[in-house]
């Protein structure tokens, strides 16, 4: 199960930008009992060709064996050039 929300930059005067919020939950596949992921990102358009995205994710995995459960944050920045 997963879902999310996409918010355009129109409300703060930057129509090309967008903010995304998402959540996903998987149950009982591939050696784990469950996994959850929450994400938020902001895509900031610099001009007609370049955009930068800042991204933060939180993951929590529960494996079949208790000693391998993991959780943590993943932070990232990426750029895109389109022409």
PDB file of N, CA and C in Angstrom:
ATOM      1  N   UNK A   1       0.847  -1.155   0.000  1.00  0.00           N
ATOM      2  CA  UNK A   1       0.000   0.000   0.000  1.00  0.00           C
ATOM      3  C   UNK A   1       0.903   1.231   0.000  1.00  0.00           C
ATOM      4  N   UNK A   2       0.546   2.197  -0.783  1.00  0.00           N
ATOM      5  CA  UNK A   2       1.306   3.442  -0.812  1.00  0.00           C
ATOM      6  C   UNK A   2       0.401   4.591  -1.229  1.00  0.00           C
ATOM      7  N   UNK A   3       0.823   5.774  -0.880  1.00  0.00           N
ATOM      8  CA  UNK A   3       0.058   6.953  -1.257  1.00  0.00           C
ATOM      9  C   UNK A   3       0.909   8.192  -1.061  1.00  0.00           C
ATOM     10  N   UNK A   4       0.441   9.273  -1.626  1.00  0.00           N
ATOM     11  CA  UNK A   4       1.214  10.487  -1.494  1.00  0.00           C
ATOM     12  C   UNK A   4       0.422  11.717  -1.880  1.00  0.00           C
ATOM     13  N   UNK A   5       1.092  12.828  -1.721  1.00  0.00           N
ATOM     14  CA  UNK A   5       0.499  14.119  -1.998  1.00  0.00           C
ATOM     15  C   UNK A   5       1.519  14.949  -2.757  1.00  0.00           C
ATOM     16  N   UNK A   6       1.092  15.587  -3.831  1.00  0.00           N
ATOM     17  CA  UNK A   6       1.947  16.475  -4.617  1.00  0.00           C
ATOM     18  C   UNK A   6       1.385  17.889  -4.505  1.00  0.00           C
ATOM     19  N   UNK A   7       2.224  18.812  -4.031  1.00  0.00           N
ATOM     20  CA  UNK A   7       1.811  20.200  -3.839  1.00  0.00           C
ATOM     21  C   UNK A   7       2.597  21.063  -4.810  1.00  0.00           C
ATOM     22  N   UNK A   8       1.911  21.784  -5.666  1.00  0.00           N
ATOM     23  CA  UNK A   8       2.604  22.639  -6.623  1.00  0.00           C
ATOM     24  C   UNK A   8       3.091  23.918  -5.947  1.00  0.00           C
ATOM     25  N   UNK A   9       4.085  24.534  -6.556  1.00  0.00           N
ATOM     26  CA  UNK A   9       4.621  25.778  -6.036  1.00  0.00           C
ATOM     27  C   UNK A   9       3.760  26.989  -6.320  1.00  0.00           C
ATOM     28  N   UNK A  10       2.621  26.773  -6.945  1.00  0.00           N
ATOM     29  CA  UNK A  10       1.730  27.885  -7.291  1.00  0.00           C
ATOM     30  C   UNK A  10       1.334  28.710  -6.063  1.00  0.00           C
ATOM     31  N   UNK A  11       1.144  28.068  -4.925  1.00  0.00           N
ATOM     32  CA  UNK A  11       0.686  28.786  -3.732  1.00  0.00           C
ATOM     33  C   UNK A  11       1.756  29.706  -3.155  1.00  0.00           C
ATOM     34  N   UNK A  12       3.039  29.519  -3.502  1.00  0.00           N
ATOM     35  CA  UNK A  12       4.066  30.452  -3.039  1.00  0.00           C
ATOM     36  C   UNK A  12       4.759  31.171  -4.200  1.00  0.00           C
ATOM     37  N   UNK A  13       4.100  31.209  -5.368  1.00  0.00           N
ATOM     38  CA  UNK A  13       4.557  32.012  -6.488  1.00  0.00           C
ATOM     39  C   UNK A  13       5.629  31.392  -7.367  1.00  0.00           C
ATOM     40  N   UNK A  14       5.864  30.072  -7.256  1.00  0.00           N
ATOM     41  CA  UNK A  14       6.855  29.381  -8.085  1.00  0.00           C
ATOM     42  C   UNK A  14       6.173  28.159  -8.704  1.00  0.00           C
ATOM     43  N   UNK A  15       5.446  28.384  -9.765  1.00  0.00           N
ATOM     44  CA  UNK A  15       4.587  27.370 -10.361  1.00  0.00           C
ATOM     45  C   UNK A  15       5.328  26.111 -10.813  1.00  0.00           C
ATOM     46  N   UNK A  16       6.603  26.220 -11.192  1.00  0.00           N
ATOM     47  CA  UNK A  16       7.363  25.060 -11.650  1.00  0.00           C
ATOM     48  C   UNK A  16       7.835  24.146 -10.533  1.00  0.00           C
ATOM     49  N   UNK A  17       7.882  24.634  -9.300  1.00  0.00           N
ATOM     50  CA  UNK A  17       8.335  23.833  -8.161  1.00  0.00           C
ATOM     51  C   UNK A  17       7.248  22.859  -7.727  1.00  0.00           C
ATOM     52  N   UNK A  18       7.642  21.857  -6.959  1.00  0.00           N
ATOM     53  CA  UNK A  18       6.651  21.018  -6.305  1.00  0.00           C
ATOM     54  C   UNK A  18       7.240  20.371  -5.058  1.00  0.00           C
ATOM     55  N   UNK A  19       6.359  20.093  -4.116  1.00  0.00           N
ATOM     56  CA  UNK A  19       6.690  19.435  -2.864  1.00  0.00           C
ATOM     57  C   UNK A  19       5.902  18.134  -2.839  1.00  0.00           C
ATOM     58  N   UNK A  20       6.577  17.048  -2.494  1.00  0.00           N
ATOM     59  CA  UNK A  20       5.913  15.758  -2.442  1.00  0.00           C
ATOM     60  C   UNK A  20       6.035  15.145  -1.063  1.00  0.00           C
ATOM     61  N   UNK A  21       4.972  14.473  -0.634  1.00  0.00           N
ATOM     62  CA  UNK A  21       4.944  13.756   0.636  1.00  0.00           C
ATOM     63  C   UNK A  21       4.371  12.380   0.333  1.00  0.00           C
ATOM     64  N   UNK A  22       5.052  11.328   0.781  1.00  0.00           N
ATOM     65  CA  UNK A  22       4.573   9.986   0.477  1.00  0.00           C
ATOM     66  C   UNK A  22       4.802   9.011   1.617  1.00  0.00           C
ATOM     67  N   UNK A  23       4.057   7.916   1.561  1.00  0.00           N
ATOM     68  CA  UNK A  23       4.179   6.848   2.548  1.00  0.00           C
ATOM     69  C   UNK A  23       3.915   5.519   1.844  1.00  0.00           C
ATOM     70  N   UNK A  24       4.696   4.504   2.196  1.00  0.00           N
ATOM     71  CA  UNK A  24       4.486   3.169   1.641  1.00  0.00           C
ATOM     72  C   UNK A  24       4.657   2.129   2.744  1.00  0.00           C
ATOM     73  N   UNK A  25       3.878   1.064   2.645  1.00  0.00           N
ATOM     74  CA  UNK A  25       3.931  -0.046   3.601  1.00  0.00           C
ATOM     75  C   UNK A  25       3.830  -1.353   2.821  1.00  0.00           C
ATOM     76  N   UNK A  26       4.784  -2.239   3.024  1.00  0.00           N
ATOM     77  CA  UNK A  26       4.737  -3.569   2.422  1.00  0.00           C
ATOM     78  C   UNK A  26       4.721  -4.591   3.534  1.00  0.00           C
ATOM     79  N   UNK A  27       3.982  -5.665   3.340  1.00  0.00           N
ATOM     80  CA  UNK A  27       3.815  -6.674   4.379  1.00  0.00           C
ATOM     81  C   UNK A  27       4.183  -8.059   3.868  1.00  0.00           C
ATOM     82  N   UNK A  28       5.131  -8.712   4.546  1.00  0.00           N
ATOM     83  CA  UNK A  28       5.418 -10.123   4.361  1.00  0.00           C
ATOM     84  C   UNK A  28       5.971 -10.560   3.025  1.00  0.00           C
ATOM     85  N   UNK A  29       6.989  -9.919   2.506  1.00  0.00           N
ATOM     86  CA  UNK A  29       7.608 -10.320   1.244  1.00  0.00           C
ATOM     87  C   UNK A  29       9.121 -10.440   1.433  1.00  0.00           C
ATOM     88  N   UNK A  30       9.758 -11.367   0.749  1.00  0.00           N
ATOM     89  CA  UNK A  30      11.220 -11.440   0.634  1.00  0.00           C
ATOM     90  C   UNK A  30      11.970 -11.366   1.967  1.00  0.00           C
ATOM     91  N   UNK A  31      11.763 -12.294   2.861  1.00  0.00           N
ATOM     92  CA  UNK A  31      12.523 -12.418   4.114  1.00  0.00           C
ATOM     93  C   UNK A  31      12.235 -11.349   5.162  1.00  0.00           C
ATOM     94  N   UNK A  32      11.215 -10.547   5.012  1.00  0.00           N
ATOM     95  CA  UNK A  32      10.887  -9.613   6.083  1.00  0.00           C
ATOM     96  C   UNK A  32       9.392  -9.630   6.363  1.00  0.00           C
ATOM     97  N   UNK A  33       9.052  -9.249   7.578  1.00  0.00           N
ATOM     98  CA  UNK A  33       7.649  -9.204   7.988  1.00  0.00           C
ATOM     99  C   UNK A  33       6.943  -7.966   7.453  1.00  0.00           C
ATOM    100  N   UNK A  34       7.655  -6.839   7.515  1.00  0.00           N
ATOM    101  CA  UNK A  34       7.078  -5.595   7.006  1.00  0.00           C
ATOM    102  C   UNK A  34       8.168  -4.564   6.791  1.00  0.00           C
ATOM    103  N   UNK A  35       7.870  -3.599   5.960  1.00  0.00           N
ATOM    104  CA  UNK A  35       8.738  -2.435   5.791  1.00  0.00           C
ATOM    105  C   UNK A  35       7.859  -1.214   5.574  1.00  0.00           C
ATOM    106  N   UNK A  36       8.336  -0.095   6.081  1.00  0.00           N
ATOM    107  CA  UNK A  36       7.622   1.172   5.943  1.00  0.00           C
ATOM    108  C   UNK A  36       8.599   2.240   5.462  1.00  0.00           C
ATOM    109  N   UNK A  37       8.112   3.116   4.615  1.00  0.00           N
ATOM    110  CA  UNK A  37       8.929   4.218   4.098  1.00  0.00           C
ATOM    111  C   UNK A  37       8.072   5.476   4.095  1.00  0.00           C
ATOM    112  N   UNK A  38       8.616   6.557   4.639  1.00  0.00           N
ATOM    113  CA  UNK A  38       7.979   7.873   4.565  1.00  0.00           C
ATOM    114  C   UNK A  38       8.964   8.798   3.857  1.00  0.00           C
ATOM    115  N   UNK A  39       8.451   9.662   2.993  1.00  0.00           N
ATOM    116  CA  UNK A  39       9.328  10.519   2.198  1.00  0.00           C
ATOM    117  C   UNK A  39       8.729  11.910   2.062  1.00  0.00           C
ATOM    118  N   UNK A  40       9.619  12.897   2.031  1.00  0.00           N
ATOM    119  CA  UNK A  40       9.246  14.261   1.697  1.00  0.00           C
ATOM    120  C   UNK A  40      10.340  14.821   0.787  1.00  0.00           C
ATOM    121  N   UNK A  41       9.942  15.534  -0.253  1.00  0.00           N
ATOM    122  CA  UNK A  41      10.938  16.136  -1.142  1.00  0.00           C
ATOM    123  C   UNK A  41      10.456  17.490  -1.627  1.00  0.00           C
ATOM    124  N   UNK A  42      11.422  18.297  -2.059  1.00  0.00           N
ATOM    125  CA  UNK A  42      11.131  19.617  -2.631  1.00  0.00           C
ATOM    126  C   UNK A  42      11.927  19.747  -3.911  1.00  0.00           C
ATOM    127  N   UNK A  43      11.244  19.914  -5.020  1.00  0.00           N
ATOM    128  CA  UNK A  43      11.876  20.128  -6.331  1.00  0.00           C
ATOM    129  C   UNK A  43      11.829  21.616  -6.616  1.00  0.00           C
ATOM    130  N   UNK A  44      13.010  22.220  -6.708  1.00  0.00           N
ATOM    131  CA  UNK A  44      13.168  23.658  -6.893  1.00  0.00           C
ATOM    132  C   UNK A  44      13.700  23.906  -8.301  1.00  0.00           C
ATOM    133  N   UNK A  45      12.916  24.558  -9.140  1.00  0.00           N
ATOM    134  CA  UNK A  45      13.298  24.818 -10.529  1.00  0.00           C
ATOM    135  C   UNK A  45      14.123  26.103 -10.577  1.00  0.00           C
ATOM    136  N   UNK A  46      15.352  25.988 -11.085  1.00  0.00           N
ATOM    137  CA  UNK A  46      16.232  27.153 -11.171  1.00  0.00           C
ATOM    138  C   UNK A  46      15.976  27.982 -12.426  1.00  0.00           C
ATOM    139  N   UNK A  47      15.752  27.295 -13.567  1.00  0.00           N
ATOM    140  CA  UNK A  47      15.446  27.978 -14.832  1.00  0.00           C
ATOM    141  C   UNK A  47      14.772  26.964 -15.757  1.00  0.00           C
ATOM    142  N   UNK A  48      14.654  27.255 -17.035  1.00  0.00           N
ATOM    143  CA  UNK A  48      13.972  26.355 -17.972  1.00  0.00           C
ATOM    144  C   UNK A  48      14.695  25.020 -18.168  1.00  0.00           C
ATOM    145  N   UNK A  49      15.934  24.919 -17.728  1.00  0.00           N
ATOM    146  CA  UNK A  49      16.746  23.731 -18.001  1.00  0.00           C
ATOM    147  C   UNK A  49      17.204  22.975 -16.758  1.00  0.00           C
ATOM    148  N   UNK A  50      17.283  23.630 -15.610  1.00  0.00           N
ATOM    149  CA  UNK A  50      17.905  23.036 -14.423  1.00  0.00           C
ATOM    150  C   UNK A  50      16.943  23.048 -13.236  1.00  0.00           C
ATOM    151  N   UNK A  51      16.892  21.912 -12.532  1.00  0.00           N
ATOM    152  CA  UNK A  51      16.113  21.799 -11.297  1.00  0.00           C
ATOM    153  C   UNK A  51      16.938  21.021 -10.274  1.00  0.00           C
ATOM    154  N   UNK A  52      16.710  21.321  -9.002  1.00  0.00           N
ATOM    155  CA  UNK A  52      17.386  20.645  -7.896  1.00  0.00           C
ATOM    156  C   UNK A  52      16.310  20.099  -6.966  1.00  0.00           C
ATOM    157  N   UNK A  53      16.510  18.862  -6.496  1.00  0.00           N
ATOM    158  CA  UNK A  53      15.556  18.234  -5.589  1.00  0.00           C
ATOM    159  C   UNK A  53      16.263  17.834  -4.300  1.00  0.00           C
ATOM    160  N   UNK A  54      15.723  18.258  -3.160  1.00  0.00           N
ATOM    161  CA  UNK A  54      16.169  17.806  -1.844  1.00  0.00           C
ATOM    162  C   UNK A  54      15.167  16.769  -1.361  1.00  0.00           C
ATOM    163  N   UNK A  55      15.684  15.651  -0.826  1.00  0.00           N
ATOM    164  CA  UNK A  55      14.835  14.517  -0.495  1.00  0.00           C
ATOM    165  C   UNK A  55      15.215  13.961   0.871  1.00  0.00           C
ATOM    166  N   UNK A  56      14.222  13.615   1.691  1.00  0.00           N
ATOM    167  CA  UNK A  56      14.445  12.945   2.971  1.00  0.00           C
ATOM    168  C   UNK A  56      13.486  11.763   3.061  1.00  0.00           C
ATOM    169  N   UNK A  57      14.039  10.594   3.411  1.00  0.00           N
ATOM    170  CA  UNK A  57      13.241   9.383   3.571  1.00  0.00           C
ATOM    171  C   UNK A  57      13.547   8.759   4.926  1.00  0.00           C
ATOM    172  N   UNK A  58      12.530   8.154   5.508  1.00  0.00           N
ATOM    173  CA  UNK A  58      12.724   7.354   6.718  1.00  0.00           C
ATOM    174  C   UNK A  58      12.229   5.951   6.397  1.00  0.00           C
ATOM    175  N   UNK A  59      13.072   4.954   6.660  1.00  0.00           N
ATOM    176  CA  UNK A  59      12.709   3.558   6.401  1.00  0.00           C
ATOM    177  C   UNK A  59      12.781   2.764   7.696  1.00  0.00           C
ATOM    178  N   UNK A  60      11.868   1.818   7.830  1.00  0.00           N
ATOM    179  CA  UNK A  60      11.870   0.913   8.973  1.00  0.00           C
ATOM    180  C   UNK A  60      11.543  -0.482   8.467  1.00  0.00           C
ATOM    181  N   UNK A  61      12.482  -1.417   8.635  1.00  0.00           N
ATOM    182  CA  UNK A  61      12.305  -2.791   8.182  1.00  0.00           C
ATOM    183  C   UNK A  61      12.229  -3.731   9.376  1.00  0.00           C
ATOM    184  N   UNK A  62      11.286  -4.655   9.332  1.00  0.00           N
ATOM    185  CA  UNK A  62      11.160  -5.688  10.351  1.00  0.00           C
ATOM    186  C   UNK A  62      11.330  -7.036   9.654  1.00  0.00           C
ATOM    187  N   UNK A  63      12.470  -7.680   9.903  1.00  0.00           N
ATOM    188  CA  UNK A  63      12.785  -8.948   9.247  1.00  0.00           C
ATOM    189  C   UNK A  63      12.211 -10.127  10.028  1.00  0.00           C
ATOM    190  N   UNK A  64      12.261 -11.306   9.410  1.00  0.00           N
ATOM    191  CA  UNK A  64      11.766 -12.522  10.048  1.00  0.00           C
ATOM    192  C   UNK A  64      12.514 -12.828  11.346  1.00  0.00           C
ATOM    193  N   UNK A  65      13.789 -12.465  11.408  1.00  0.00           N
ATOM    194  CA  UNK A  65      14.573 -12.651  12.630  1.00  0.00           C
ATOM    195  C   UNK A  65      14.712 -11.298  13.320  1.00  0.00           C
ATOM    196  N   UNK A  66      14.442 -11.267  14.621  1.00  0.00           N
ATOM    197  CA  UNK A  66      14.397 -10.007  15.370  1.00  0.00           C
ATOM    198  C   UNK A  66      15.719  -9.252  15.397  1.00  0.00           C
ATOM    199  N   UNK A  67      16.833  -9.954  15.322  1.00  0.00           N
ATOM    200  CA  UNK A  67      18.126  -9.281  15.463  1.00  0.00           C
ATOM    201  C   UNK A  67      18.532  -8.480  14.230  1.00  0.00           C
ATOM    202  N   UNK A  68      17.774  -8.527  13.154  1.00  0.00           N
ATOM    203  CA  UNK A  68      18.130  -7.814  11.926  1.00  0.00           C
ATOM    204  C   UNK A  68      17.236  -6.612  11.631  1.00  0.00           C
ATOM    205  N   UNK A  69      16.327  -6.253  12.538  1.00  0.00           N
ATOM    206  CA  UNK A  69      15.449  -5.100  12.300  1.00  0.00           C
ATOM    207  C   UNK A  69      16.293  -3.837  12.129  1.00  0.00           C
ATOM    208  N   UNK A  70      15.919  -3.008  11.172  1.00  0.00           N
ATOM    209  CA  UNK A  70      16.681  -1.800  10.895  1.00  0.00           C
ATOM    210  C   UNK A  70      15.741  -0.620  10.696  1.00  0.00           C
ATOM    211  N   UNK A  71      16.279   0.563  10.935  1.00  0.00           N
ATOM    212  CA  UNK A  71      15.567   1.789  10.609  1.00  0.00           C
ATOM    213  C   UNK A  71      16.604   2.891  10.430  1.00  0.00           C
ATOM    214  N   UNK A  72      16.209   3.957   9.757  1.00  0.00           N
ATOM    215  CA  UNK A  72      17.123   5.067   9.571  1.00  0.00           C
ATOM    216  C   UNK A  72      16.647   6.040   8.517  1.00  0.00           C
ATOM    217  N   UNK A  73      17.382   7.139   8.435  1.00  0.00           N
ATOM    218  CA  UNK A  73      17.085   8.199   7.482  1.00  0.00           C
ATOM    219  C   UNK A  73      17.997   8.107   6.272  1.00  0.00           C
ATOM    220  N   UNK A  74      17.470   8.487   5.138  1.00  0.00           N
ATOM    221  CA  UNK A  74      18.234   8.614   3.897  1.00  0.00           C
ATOM    222  C   UNK A  74      17.996  10.035   3.400  1.00  0.00           C
ATOM    223  N   UNK A  75      19.063  10.792   3.262  1.00  0.00           N
ATOM    224  CA  UNK A  75      18.965  12.177   2.798  1.00  0.00           C
ATOM    225  C   UNK A  75      19.671  12.291   1.456  1.00  0.00           C
ATOM    226  N   UNK A  76      19.129  13.085   0.555  1.00  0.00           N
ATOM    227  CA  UNK A  76      19.756  13.219  -0.745  1.00  0.00           C
ATOM    228  C   UNK A  76      19.435  14.538  -1.429  1.00  0.00           C
ATOM    229  N   UNK A  77      20.319  14.891  -2.337  1.00  0.00           N
ATOM    230  CA  UNK A  77      20.118  16.038  -3.218  1.00  0.00           C
ATOM    231  C   UNK A  77      20.460  15.578  -4.625  1.00  0.00           C
ATOM    232  N   UNK A  78      19.613  15.904  -5.579  1.00  0.00           N
ATOM    233  CA  UNK A  78      19.908  15.537  -6.960  1.00  0.00           C
ATOM    234  C   UNK A  78      19.581  16.702  -7.876  1.00  0.00           C
ATOM    235  N   UNK A  79      20.268  16.732  -8.985  1.00  0.00           N
ATOM    236  CA  UNK A  79      20.025  17.761  -9.980  1.00  0.00           C
ATOM    237  C   UNK A  79      19.568  17.142 -11.280  1.00  0.00           C
ATOM    238  N   UNK A  80      18.819  17.905 -12.042  1.00  0.00           N
ATOM    239  CA  UNK A  80      18.356  17.456 -13.356  1.00  0.00           C
ATOM    240  C   UNK A  80      18.565  18.573 -14.364  1.00  0.00           C
ATOM    241  N   UNK A  81      19.081  18.191 -15.519  1.00  0.00           N
ATOM    242  CA  UNK A  81      19.267  19.133 -16.611  1.00  0.00           C
ATOM    243  C   UNK A  81      18.476  18.614 -17.795  1.00  0.00           C
ATOM    244  N   UNK A  82      17.579  19.415 -18.311  1.00  0.00           N
ATOM    245  CA  UNK A  82      16.746  19.029 -19.461  1.00  0.00           C
ATOM    246  C   UNK A  82      16.958  20.026 -20.581  1.00  0.00           C
ATOM    247  N   UNK A  83      17.129  19.509 -21.804  1.00  0.00           N
ATOM    248  CA  UNK A  83      17.259  20.383 -22.967  1.00  0.00           C
ATOM    249  C   UNK A  83      16.725  19.709 -24.188  1.00  0.00           C
TER     250      UNK A  83
END
